[in-house]
Amino acid sequence: MISVGDSIRQSAFFKILVIGFLVMLLLIPLIMISSAVYERQSRYYSVKSEIGELFGYDQTIMGPVVTVPYQRFWKDDKDKVHTDLHYAYFLPENLQIRGQLVPETRYRGIYEVVVYRTDLTVSGAFEPPNFGFWKTIQPEHILWDDAYLTIGISDTRGIREALTLNWNKKELPFLSGTRSSLFDKGLHVRLPDLEQLNTTNYEFSFKLNLNGHEQLAFSPVGKETIVELSSSWQDPSFAGSFLPVERVINETGFEARWQVSHLGRSYPQMWNTEMQDSVNLHQEQFNVNLRLPVDFYQKVERSIKYGILFILLTFTTFFLFEIFNPIRIHPLQYLMVGFALSIFYLLLLSISEHLNFSWAYLIASGATIGLIITYGQWVLQSRQRSLIMGGFLVGLYIYLYVLLHLQDYALLFGAIGLFVILALVMFITRRVDWYALHLNQQR
């Protein structure tokens, strides 16, 4: 005689409730593994920051800009005359930057980070500063003797040697600091006798040797800006407001050429203190990145999002074996299989830090499938059923691998896959009488 308690425990509905509870319970290890991914990723970024602090951070080159101070006089309500110091800023007519990026890979423990050295030649020409645009500035109020040229460099610690400006065939040493609110960090050089030079254009050039970390960016401050870079790095990434007009990438490295007109940016060729709030030289930059393709953290994190789905589908397959075969599977055995599926993500994370992601995925999934197949021979009481289970898991992990490498079509592929799986389960169980079903088979 079967008691009411035994009848409940043998009902399919009760088993489904238990399986649902176990699926929710397995959220705990998945959340813990997701936290481990975040922790390892944070550690990687911390190492990158440490190396950047020692060698040089991402570098951004802005300028050069010629700055000429002038005086403004005004009266207060008591007719007392006051003097304010204002500035006029002038950008070059043309700007050419040519050079090489020499990449190096630095290691800190298991982490590797790309740094680089640059050997750049910066040249161009300025038109003589023209204050006629501002009718309120009197010629006698212009402080020509205090004029200077400024370049912005985001991390001046990366400067490898002293810089000298060739200004109309005259050598002028750069000094530290910008003397300007345009840039947070940089260098400046005084421009003596700027007013007395009788020339159509002021030609300039200087060498710039920098240490940096992964990214090198430029601001197109010239009326026409041309940047030509070459490097032995084979996997560059070009980004920013402007892409190269020409680029060649092959097994020997890359060559890229940018050509930018002043018409494509938001700030003018000259402005003064009154217009300063509307000018931002940090806008419309373009850059090249020499980054290592370290995207496995994102892939592992994305794969964990499918963890509950994987566990649910695997448990459903085991449950179907219970329905159509004279076996009983204990909730603890379900839980063991769920833990094996969860540990896959931890294996994937740890192996990915040492091997290519595809190899790490193959090893982690192979180990997980092998473990479940071996365990399934006892749980399912049949080697054939265990192999069927293994085939199902192989298909499931191939499905996940494809999803992780799709970008634009990931949602479509995922939705179609889930629809097909649901349809298959509905087809297999279409003749099951759920009201009459009791899992009362004996081992």
Protein backbone atom coordinates (compact mmCIF):
# COMPACT_ATOMS: atom_id res chain seq x y z
CA MET A 1 0.00 0.00 0.00
CA ILE A 2 1.41 3.38 -1.08
CA SER A 3 1.02 6.21 1.41
CA VAL A 4 0.02 9.75 0.44
CA GLY A 5 3.58 10.94 1.11
CA ASP A 6 5.06 8.30 -1.17
CA SER A 7 2.51 9.14 -3.83
CA ILE A 8 3.49 12.81 -3.72
CA ARG A 9 7.20 11.99 -3.86
CA GLN A 10 6.62 9.72 -6.86
CA SER A 11 4.55 12.26 -8.80
CA ALA A 12 6.09 13.96 -11.82
CA PHE A 13 4.83 17.34 -10.64
CA PHE A 14 6.69 17.01 -7.33
CA LYS A 15 9.88 16.02 -9.18
CA ILE A 16 9.54 19.06 -11.44
CA LEU A 17 9.23 21.30 -8.36
CA VAL A 18 12.37 19.75 -6.87
CA ILE A 19 14.28 20.21 -10.13
CA GLY A 20 13.14 23.86 -10.28
CA PHE A 21 14.37 24.40 -6.73
CA LEU A 22 17.75 22.85 -7.58
CA VAL A 23 18.08 25.09 -10.64
CA MET A 24 17.52 28.15 -8.47
CA LEU A 25 19.95 26.81 -5.88
CA LEU A 26 22.65 26.52 -8.53
CA LEU A 27 22.39 30.27 -9.11
CA ILE A 28 24.65 30.64 -6.06
CA PRO A 29 27.80 29.05 -7.60
CA LEU A 30 27.14 30.84 -10.89
CA ILE A 31 27.01 34.20 -9.10
CA MET A 32 30.20 33.35 -7.23
CA ILE A 33 31.99 32.43 -10.47
CA SER A 34 30.71 35.63 -12.10
CA SER A 35 32.26 37.57 -9.19
CA ALA A 36 35.53 35.72 -9.78
CA VAL A 37 35.47 36.83 -13.44
CA TYR A 38 34.99 40.44 -12.35
CA GLU A 39 37.79 40.14 -9.80
CA ARG A 40 40.26 38.69 -12.32
CA GLN A 41 39.32 41.32 -14.88
CA SER A 42 39.82 44.07 -12.30
CA ARG A 43 43.22 42.61 -11.47
CA TYR A 44 44.16 42.69 -15.15
CA TYR A 45 43.20 46.36 -15.46
CA SER A 46 45.09 47.07 -12.25
CA VAL A 47 48.24 45.50 -13.74
CA LYS A 48 47.78 47.58 -16.89
CA SER A 49 47.54 50.70 -14.77
CA GLU A 50 50.65 49.78 -12.78
CA ILE A 51 52.71 49.24 -15.92
CA GLY A 52 51.33 52.44 -17.43
CA GLU A 53 52.32 54.34 -14.29
CA LEU A 54 55.88 53.10 -14.60
CA PHE A 55 56.33 53.26 -18.37
CA GLY A 56 53.79 55.85 -19.52
CA TYR A 57 50.01 55.96 -19.90
CA ASP A 58 48.01 56.30 -23.10
CA GLN A 59 49.41 59.31 -24.90
CA THR A 60 47.47 62.14 -26.52
CA ILE A 61 49.30 64.83 -28.49
CA MET A 62 47.52 68.17 -28.84
CA GLY A 63 48.91 71.23 -30.51
CA PRO A 64 51.06 73.08 -31.11
CA VAL A 65 49.24 76.31 -30.27
CA VAL A 66 50.71 79.83 -30.35
CA THR A 67 49.47 81.95 -27.44
CA VAL A 68 49.80 85.74 -27.39
CA PRO A 69 48.72 87.63 -24.24
CA TYR A 70 47.11 91.06 -24.41
CA GLN A 71 45.69 93.58 -21.94
CA ARG A 72 42.11 94.61 -21.40
CA PHE A 73 41.24 97.87 -19.62
CA TRP A 74 37.93 98.56 -17.95
CA LYS A 75 36.42 100.99 -15.44
CA ASP A 76 34.39 100.18 -12.38
CA ASP A 77 31.43 102.24 -11.15
CA LYS A 78 33.88 104.66 -9.52
CA ASP A 79 35.73 105.27 -12.82
CA LYS A 80 38.77 103.44 -11.53
CA VAL A 81 40.71 101.76 -14.37
CA HIS A 82 41.50 98.07 -14.04
CA THR A 83 43.70 95.85 -16.18
CA ASP A 84 43.04 92.20 -17.02
CA LEU A 85 45.37 89.84 -18.84
CA HIS A 86 43.73 87.96 -21.70
CA TYR A 87 45.04 85.56 -24.32
CA ALA A 88 44.67 84.99 -28.03
CA TYR A 89 45.24 81.50 -29.43
CA PHE A 90 46.34 80.60 -32.95
CA LEU A 91 46.50 77.16 -34.59
CA PRO A 92 48.89 76.16 -37.39
CA GLU A 93 48.03 76.46 -41.07
CA ASN A 94 49.38 73.00 -41.68
CA LEU A 95 50.55 70.22 -39.40
CA GLN A 96 52.44 67.05 -40.34
CA ILE A 97 53.28 64.26 -37.90
CA ARG A 98 55.29 61.33 -39.19
CA GLY A 99 56.97 58.52 -37.35
CA GLN A 100 57.05 55.01 -35.98
CA LEU A 101 55.53 53.14 -33.08
CA VAL A 102 57.80 50.46 -31.66
CA PRO A 103 55.67 48.02 -29.60
CA GLU A 104 56.91 46.00 -26.65
CA THR A 105 55.13 43.39 -24.53
CA ARG A 106 55.63 43.64 -20.78
CA TYR A 107 54.71 40.91 -18.32
CA ARG A 108 53.49 41.03 -14.73
CA GLY A 109 52.79 37.51 -13.49
CA ILE A 110 50.42 35.82 -15.94
CA TYR A 111 49.34 39.14 -17.44
CA GLU A 112 50.85 40.77 -20.51
CA VAL A 113 50.44 44.39 -21.54
CA VAL A 114 51.51 46.27 -24.67
CA VAL A 115 53.61 49.42 -24.37
CA TYR A 116 55.28 51.39 -27.12
CA ARG A 117 57.99 53.88 -27.96
CA THR A 118 57.40 56.60 -30.54
CA ASP A 119 59.85 58.42 -32.75
CA LEU A 120 57.83 61.28 -34.23
CA THR A 121 58.73 64.27 -36.36
CA VAL A 122 56.27 67.15 -35.98
CA SER A 123 56.44 70.00 -38.50
CA GLY A 124 54.26 72.68 -40.05
CA ALA A 125 53.75 76.43 -40.29
CA PHE A 126 51.83 79.24 -38.61
CA GLU A 127 50.52 82.35 -40.25
CA PRO A 128 51.54 85.56 -38.44
CA PRO A 129 49.04 86.17 -35.61
CA ASN A 130 46.33 88.50 -36.88
CA PHE A 131 44.50 90.54 -34.24
CA GLY A 132 42.50 92.42 -36.86
CA PHE A 133 39.67 89.92 -36.35
CA TRP A 134 39.02 91.44 -32.92
CA LYS A 135 38.32 95.14 -33.39
CA THR A 136 38.38 95.89 -29.66
CA ILE A 137 42.02 94.83 -29.16
CA GLN A 138 44.42 97.73 -29.65
CA PRO A 139 47.88 96.97 -31.14
CA GLU A 140 49.64 98.71 -28.27
CA HIS A 141 47.94 96.39 -25.78
CA ILE A 142 49.40 93.21 -27.32
CA LEU A 143 52.28 91.74 -25.30
CA TRP A 144 54.36 90.27 -28.11
CA ASP A 145 57.39 89.66 -25.92
CA ASP A 146 55.40 87.23 -23.78
CA ALA A 147 54.16 85.07 -26.67
CA TYR A 148 54.82 81.35 -26.44
CA LEU A 149 54.08 78.06 -28.17
CA THR A 150 52.47 75.16 -26.29
CA ILE A 151 52.02 71.47 -26.98
CA GLY A 152 49.78 69.22 -24.91
CA ILE A 153 51.09 65.79 -23.92
CA SER A 154 48.76 63.75 -21.71
CA ASP A 155 51.58 62.03 -19.79
CA THR A 156 54.79 64.02 -19.83
CA ARG A 157 56.56 61.31 -17.80
CA GLY A 158 56.82 59.41 -21.07
CA ILE A 159 59.12 62.01 -22.67
CA ARG A 160 62.42 60.21 -23.26
CA GLU A 161 64.72 63.15 -24.04
CA ALA A 162 64.89 66.94 -24.12
CA LEU A 163 62.93 68.66 -26.88
CA THR A 164 64.10 71.54 -29.02
CA LEU A 165 61.85 73.62 -31.26
CA ASN A 166 63.18 74.70 -34.66
CA TRP A 167 61.33 78.00 -35.15
CA ASN A 168 62.18 79.72 -38.42
CA LYS A 169 65.66 78.11 -38.36
CA LYS A 170 66.20 79.15 -34.77
CA GLU A 171 66.69 76.51 -32.03
CA LEU A 172 64.57 77.12 -28.91
CA PRO A 173 64.45 74.69 -25.96
CA PHE A 174 61.10 73.49 -24.64
CA LEU A 175 60.32 74.14 -20.97
CA SER A 176 58.13 72.08 -18.65
CA GLY A 177 54.52 73.09 -18.08
CA THR A 178 51.98 74.55 -20.48
CA ARG A 179 51.44 78.06 -19.02
CA SER A 180 47.95 77.62 -20.43
CA SER A 181 44.52 76.39 -19.43
CA LEU A 182 44.20 74.58 -22.76
CA PHE A 183 46.05 71.48 -21.58
CA ASP A 184 46.49 69.80 -18.23
CA LYS A 185 50.03 68.67 -19.07
CA GLY A 186 52.54 69.59 -21.71
CA LEU A 187 55.47 71.80 -22.66
CA HIS A 188 55.97 75.36 -23.79
CA VAL A 189 58.63 77.52 -25.40
CA ARG A 190 58.90 81.29 -25.54
CA LEU A 191 58.79 82.93 -28.97
CA PRO A 192 61.02 86.03 -28.85
CA ASP A 193 60.63 88.82 -31.38
CA LEU A 194 57.42 87.35 -32.75
CA GLU A 195 56.19 90.73 -33.95
CA GLN A 196 59.44 91.73 -35.63
CA LEU A 197 59.80 88.63 -37.81
CA ASN A 198 59.16 89.73 -41.37
CA THR A 199 57.92 86.51 -42.93
CA THR A 200 54.85 85.09 -44.59
CA ASN A 201 54.76 81.99 -42.39
CA TYR A 202 56.51 80.82 -39.25
CA GLU A 203 57.85 77.37 -40.01
CA PHE A 204 58.49 74.99 -37.13
CA SER A 205 59.59 71.43 -36.44
CA PHE A 206 60.65 69.26 -33.52
CA LYS A 207 61.33 65.65 -32.65
CA LEU A 208 59.10 63.95 -30.12
CA ASN A 209 60.16 60.65 -28.55
CA LEU A 210 57.57 59.26 -26.15
CA ASN A 211 56.88 56.17 -24.11
CA GLY A 212 53.23 55.17 -23.99
CA HIS A 213 50.78 52.44 -23.22
CA GLU A 214 48.53 50.89 -25.86
CA GLN A 215 46.90 54.03 -27.30
CA LEU A 216 48.33 57.02 -29.19
CA ALA A 217 45.90 59.83 -30.03
CA PHE A 218 46.11 63.16 -31.88
CA SER A 219 44.08 66.35 -32.07
CA PRO A 220 43.75 67.72 -35.63
CA VAL A 221 44.72 71.29 -34.79
CA GLY A 222 46.07 72.20 -38.23
CA LYS A 223 44.00 73.80 -40.94
CA GLU A 224 45.12 70.64 -42.64
CA THR A 225 46.46 67.85 -40.43
CA ILE A 226 48.39 64.91 -41.87
CA VAL A 227 49.55 62.05 -39.65
CA GLU A 228 51.53 59.11 -41.01
CA LEU A 229 52.40 56.21 -38.73
CA SER A 230 54.01 52.82 -39.22
CA SER A 231 54.61 49.97 -36.80
CA SER A 232 55.43 46.29 -36.63
CA TRP A 233 52.22 45.65 -34.65
CA GLN A 234 49.98 43.36 -36.67
CA ASP A 235 46.64 43.91 -34.96
CA PRO A 236 45.97 47.67 -34.64
CA SER A 237 42.61 49.23 -33.91
CA PHE A 238 41.75 52.64 -35.37
CA ALA A 239 39.16 54.75 -33.57
CA GLY A 240 38.10 58.29 -32.82
CA SER A 241 36.40 60.98 -34.86
CA PHE A 242 38.46 60.31 -38.00
CA LEU A 243 39.66 57.07 -39.57
CA PRO A 244 42.77 56.75 -41.74
CA VAL A 245 42.30 57.66 -45.39
CA GLU A 246 44.91 55.03 -46.22
CA ARG A 247 45.99 51.97 -44.29
CA VAL A 248 47.86 48.75 -44.94
CA ILE A 249 47.85 45.90 -42.43
CA ASN A 250 49.79 42.69 -43.05
CA GLU A 251 52.08 40.20 -41.33
CA THR A 252 54.90 42.78 -41.11
CA GLY A 253 52.79 45.39 -39.29
CA PHE A 254 50.73 48.36 -40.42
CA GLU A 255 51.01 51.73 -42.12
CA ALA A 256 48.29 54.36 -41.73
CA ARG A 257 47.73 57.88 -42.99
CA TRP A 258 45.19 60.41 -41.69
CA GLN A 259 44.32 63.63 -43.53
CA VAL A 260 41.93 65.92 -41.65
CA SER A 261 40.58 69.33 -42.64
CA HIS A 262 39.69 72.02 -40.11
CA LEU A 263 36.17 71.98 -41.58
CA GLY A 264 35.52 68.64 -39.87
CA ARG A 265 36.07 69.85 -36.31
CA SER A 266 34.10 72.08 -33.96
CA TYR A 267 36.73 74.67 -32.94
CA PRO A 268 38.16 77.55 -35.04
CA GLN A 269 41.68 78.38 -36.15
CA MET A 270 41.93 81.25 -33.67
CA TRP A 271 40.06 82.44 -30.62
CA ASN A 272 40.58 84.49 -27.47
CA THR A 273 39.77 84.32 -23.77
CA GLU A 274 36.18 85.46 -24.31
CA MET A 275 35.56 82.41 -26.54
CA GLN A 276 37.52 79.92 -24.42
CA ASP A 277 34.50 78.17 -22.91
CA SER A 278 33.31 77.08 -26.38
CA VAL A 279 36.67 75.59 -27.45
CA ASN A 280 37.74 72.08 -26.47
CA LEU A 281 40.80 70.63 -28.18
CA HIS A 282 40.03 67.23 -26.64
CA GLN A 283 37.14 66.84 -29.06
CA GLU A 284 37.41 65.25 -32.52
CA GLN A 285 40.54 63.26 -31.71
CA PHE A 286 41.64 60.15 -33.58
CA ASN A 287 43.83 57.33 -32.32
CA VAL A 288 45.45 53.99 -32.92
CA ASN A 289 45.39 51.21 -30.32
CA LEU A 290 48.02 48.51 -29.99
CA ARG A 291 45.93 46.36 -27.69
CA LEU A 292 46.23 42.67 -27.12
CA PRO A 293 42.99 40.87 -27.97
CA VAL A 294 42.17 40.14 -24.30
CA ASP A 295 38.44 39.61 -24.73
CA PHE A 296 38.13 36.25 -23.00
CA TYR A 297 36.87 37.87 -19.78
CA GLN A 298 33.90 39.26 -21.70
CA LYS A 299 33.31 35.90 -23.36
CA VAL A 300 33.40 34.03 -20.06
CA GLU A 301 31.04 36.58 -18.54
CA ARG A 302 28.65 36.20 -21.49
CA SER A 303 28.80 32.41 -21.24
CA ILE A 304 27.81 32.51 -17.55
CA LYS A 305 24.60 34.29 -18.55
CA TYR A 306 23.60 31.07 -20.30
CA GLY A 307 24.49 28.98 -17.23
CA ILE A 308 20.96 28.59 -15.86
CA LEU A 309 19.68 27.70 -19.32
CA PHE A 310 22.35 24.99 -19.67
CA ILE A 311 21.50 23.53 -16.27
CA LEU A 312 17.77 23.62 -16.99
CA LEU A 313 18.15 21.89 -20.37
CA THR A 314 20.48 19.24 -18.93
CA PHE A 315 18.12 18.55 -16.02
CA THR A 316 15.23 18.35 -18.50
CA THR A 317 17.11 15.69 -20.47
CA PHE A 318 17.75 13.65 -17.31
CA PHE A 319 14.09 14.03 -16.35
CA LEU A 320 13.01 12.73 -19.78
CA PHE A 321 15.18 9.66 -19.20
CA GLU A 322 13.26 9.13 -15.95
CA ILE A 323 9.93 9.38 -17.76
CA PHE A 324 10.69 6.93 -20.55
CA ASN A 325 12.95 4.48 -18.69
CA PRO A 326 12.59 2.39 -15.50
CA ILE A 327 15.05 4.48 -13.48
CA ARG A 328 14.92 6.97 -10.64
CA ILE A 329 17.41 9.82 -10.27
CA HIS A 330 17.89 11.26 -6.80
CA PRO A 331 17.83 15.08 -6.38
CA LEU A 332 21.39 14.87 -5.02
CA GLN A 333 22.48 13.32 -8.32
CA TYR A 334 20.85 16.20 -10.19
CA LEU A 335 22.76 18.55 -7.91
CA MET A 336 26.08 16.84 -8.68
CA VAL A 337 25.50 17.24 -12.40
CA GLY A 338 24.58 20.90 -11.84
CA PHE A 339 27.82 21.51 -9.95
CA ALA A 340 29.77 19.92 -12.81
CA LEU A 341 28.08 22.28 -15.27
CA SER A 342 28.89 25.25 -13.01
CA ILE A 343 32.55 24.32 -12.61
CA PHE A 344 32.87 24.45 -16.42
CA TYR A 345 32.84 28.25 -16.23
CA LEU A 346 35.53 28.31 -13.55
CA LEU A 347 37.69 25.99 -15.67
CA LEU A 348 37.08 28.19 -18.70
CA LEU A 349 38.12 31.33 -16.80
CA SER A 350 41.30 29.87 -15.32
CA ILE A 351 42.50 28.14 -18.51
CA SER A 352 41.72 31.20 -20.67
CA GLU A 353 44.28 33.20 -18.71
CA HIS A 354 47.00 30.85 -19.95
CA LEU A 355 45.79 29.58 -23.34
CA ASN A 356 43.87 30.79 -26.37
CA PHE A 357 40.13 31.04 -25.60
CA SER A 358 39.18 28.40 -28.18
CA TRP A 359 41.60 25.88 -26.69
CA ALA A 360 40.45 26.77 -23.17
CA TYR A 361 36.83 26.28 -24.21
CA LEU A 362 37.65 22.91 -25.81
CA ILE A 363 39.50 21.67 -22.71
CA ALA A 364 36.91 22.93 -20.20
CA SER A 365 33.90 21.64 -22.14
CA GLY A 366 35.62 18.33 -22.90
CA ALA A 367 36.45 17.77 -19.23
CA THR A 368 32.88 18.65 -18.18
CA ILE A 369 31.24 16.43 -20.79
CA GLY A 370 33.60 13.55 -19.95
CA LEU A 371 32.81 13.87 -16.25
CA ILE A 372 29.03 13.88 -16.82
CA ILE A 373 29.22 10.95 -19.27
CA THR A 374 31.22 8.89 -16.77
CA TYR A 375 28.90 9.78 -13.89
CA GLY A 376 25.87 9.23 -16.11
CA GLN A 377 26.69 5.58 -16.67
CA TRP A 378 25.72 4.91 -13.02
CA VAL A 379 22.95 7.48 -12.77
CA LEU A 380 21.24 6.44 -16.02
CA GLN A 381 22.16 2.75 -15.57
CA SER A 382 23.16 2.47 -19.22
CA ARG A 383 26.22 3.34 -21.24
CA GLN A 384 24.03 4.03 -24.27
CA ARG A 385 21.91 6.55 -22.37
CA SER A 386 25.06 8.15 -21.02
CA LEU A 387 26.46 8.53 -24.55
CA ILE A 388 23.17 10.05 -25.72
CA MET A 389 23.46 12.51 -22.85
CA GLY A 390 27.03 13.26 -23.90
CA GLY A 391 25.95 13.89 -27.50
CA PHE A 392 23.32 16.32 -26.26
CA LEU A 393 25.95 18.20 -24.20
CA VAL A 394 28.36 18.33 -27.15
CA GLY A 395 25.65 19.98 -29.24
CA LEU A 396 24.83 22.35 -26.39
CA TYR A 397 28.43 23.49 -25.94
CA ILE A 398 28.92 23.92 -29.70
CA TYR A 399 25.77 26.03 -29.69
CA LEU A 400 27.19 28.21 -26.87
CA TYR A 401 30.55 28.58 -28.61
CA VAL A 402 28.88 29.87 -31.76
CA LEU A 403 26.75 32.26 -29.69
CA LEU A 404 29.84 33.70 -27.98
CA HIS A 405 31.45 34.52 -31.34
CA LEU A 406 28.38 36.06 -32.91
CA GLN A 407 27.75 39.76 -32.48
CA ASP A 408 24.99 41.08 -34.71
CA TYR A 409 23.15 37.74 -35.00
CA ALA A 410 23.58 36.40 -31.43
CA LEU A 411 20.00 37.24 -30.40
CA LEU A 412 18.52 35.75 -33.57
CA PHE A 413 20.59 32.57 -33.34
CA GLY A 414 19.83 32.21 -29.63
CA ALA A 415 16.07 32.68 -30.11
CA ILE A 416 15.93 30.16 -32.95
CA GLY A 417 17.95 27.64 -30.93
CA LEU A 418 15.66 27.91 -27.91
CA PHE A 419 12.60 27.59 -30.11
CA VAL A 420 13.96 24.41 -31.70
CA ILE A 421 14.82 22.90 -28.29
CA LEU A 422 11.37 23.70 -26.90
CA ALA A 423 9.70 22.23 -29.97
CA LEU A 424 11.78 19.07 -29.61
CA VAL A 425 10.82 18.64 -25.92
CA MET A 426 7.16 19.23 -26.74
CA PHE A 427 7.31 16.65 -29.53
CA ILE A 428 9.00 14.02 -27.35
CA THR A 429 6.51 14.46 -24.49
CA ARG A 430 3.38 14.92 -26.63
CA ARG A 431 1.92 11.53 -25.64
CA VAL A 432 2.78 11.67 -21.93
CA ASP A 433 -0.27 11.56 -19.64
CA TRP A 434 0.98 13.93 -16.94
CA TYR A 435 -2.07 13.32 -14.70
CA ALA A 436 -1.47 9.58 -14.64
CA LEU A 437 2.32 9.71 -14.56
CA HIS A 438 4.09 8.55 -11.41
CA LEU A 439 7.85 8.07 -11.18
CA ASN A 440 7.43 4.74 -9.36
CA GLN A 441 9.94 2.71 -11.29
CA GLN A 442 12.42 0.75 -9.23
CA ARG A 443 16.14 0.60 -9.75
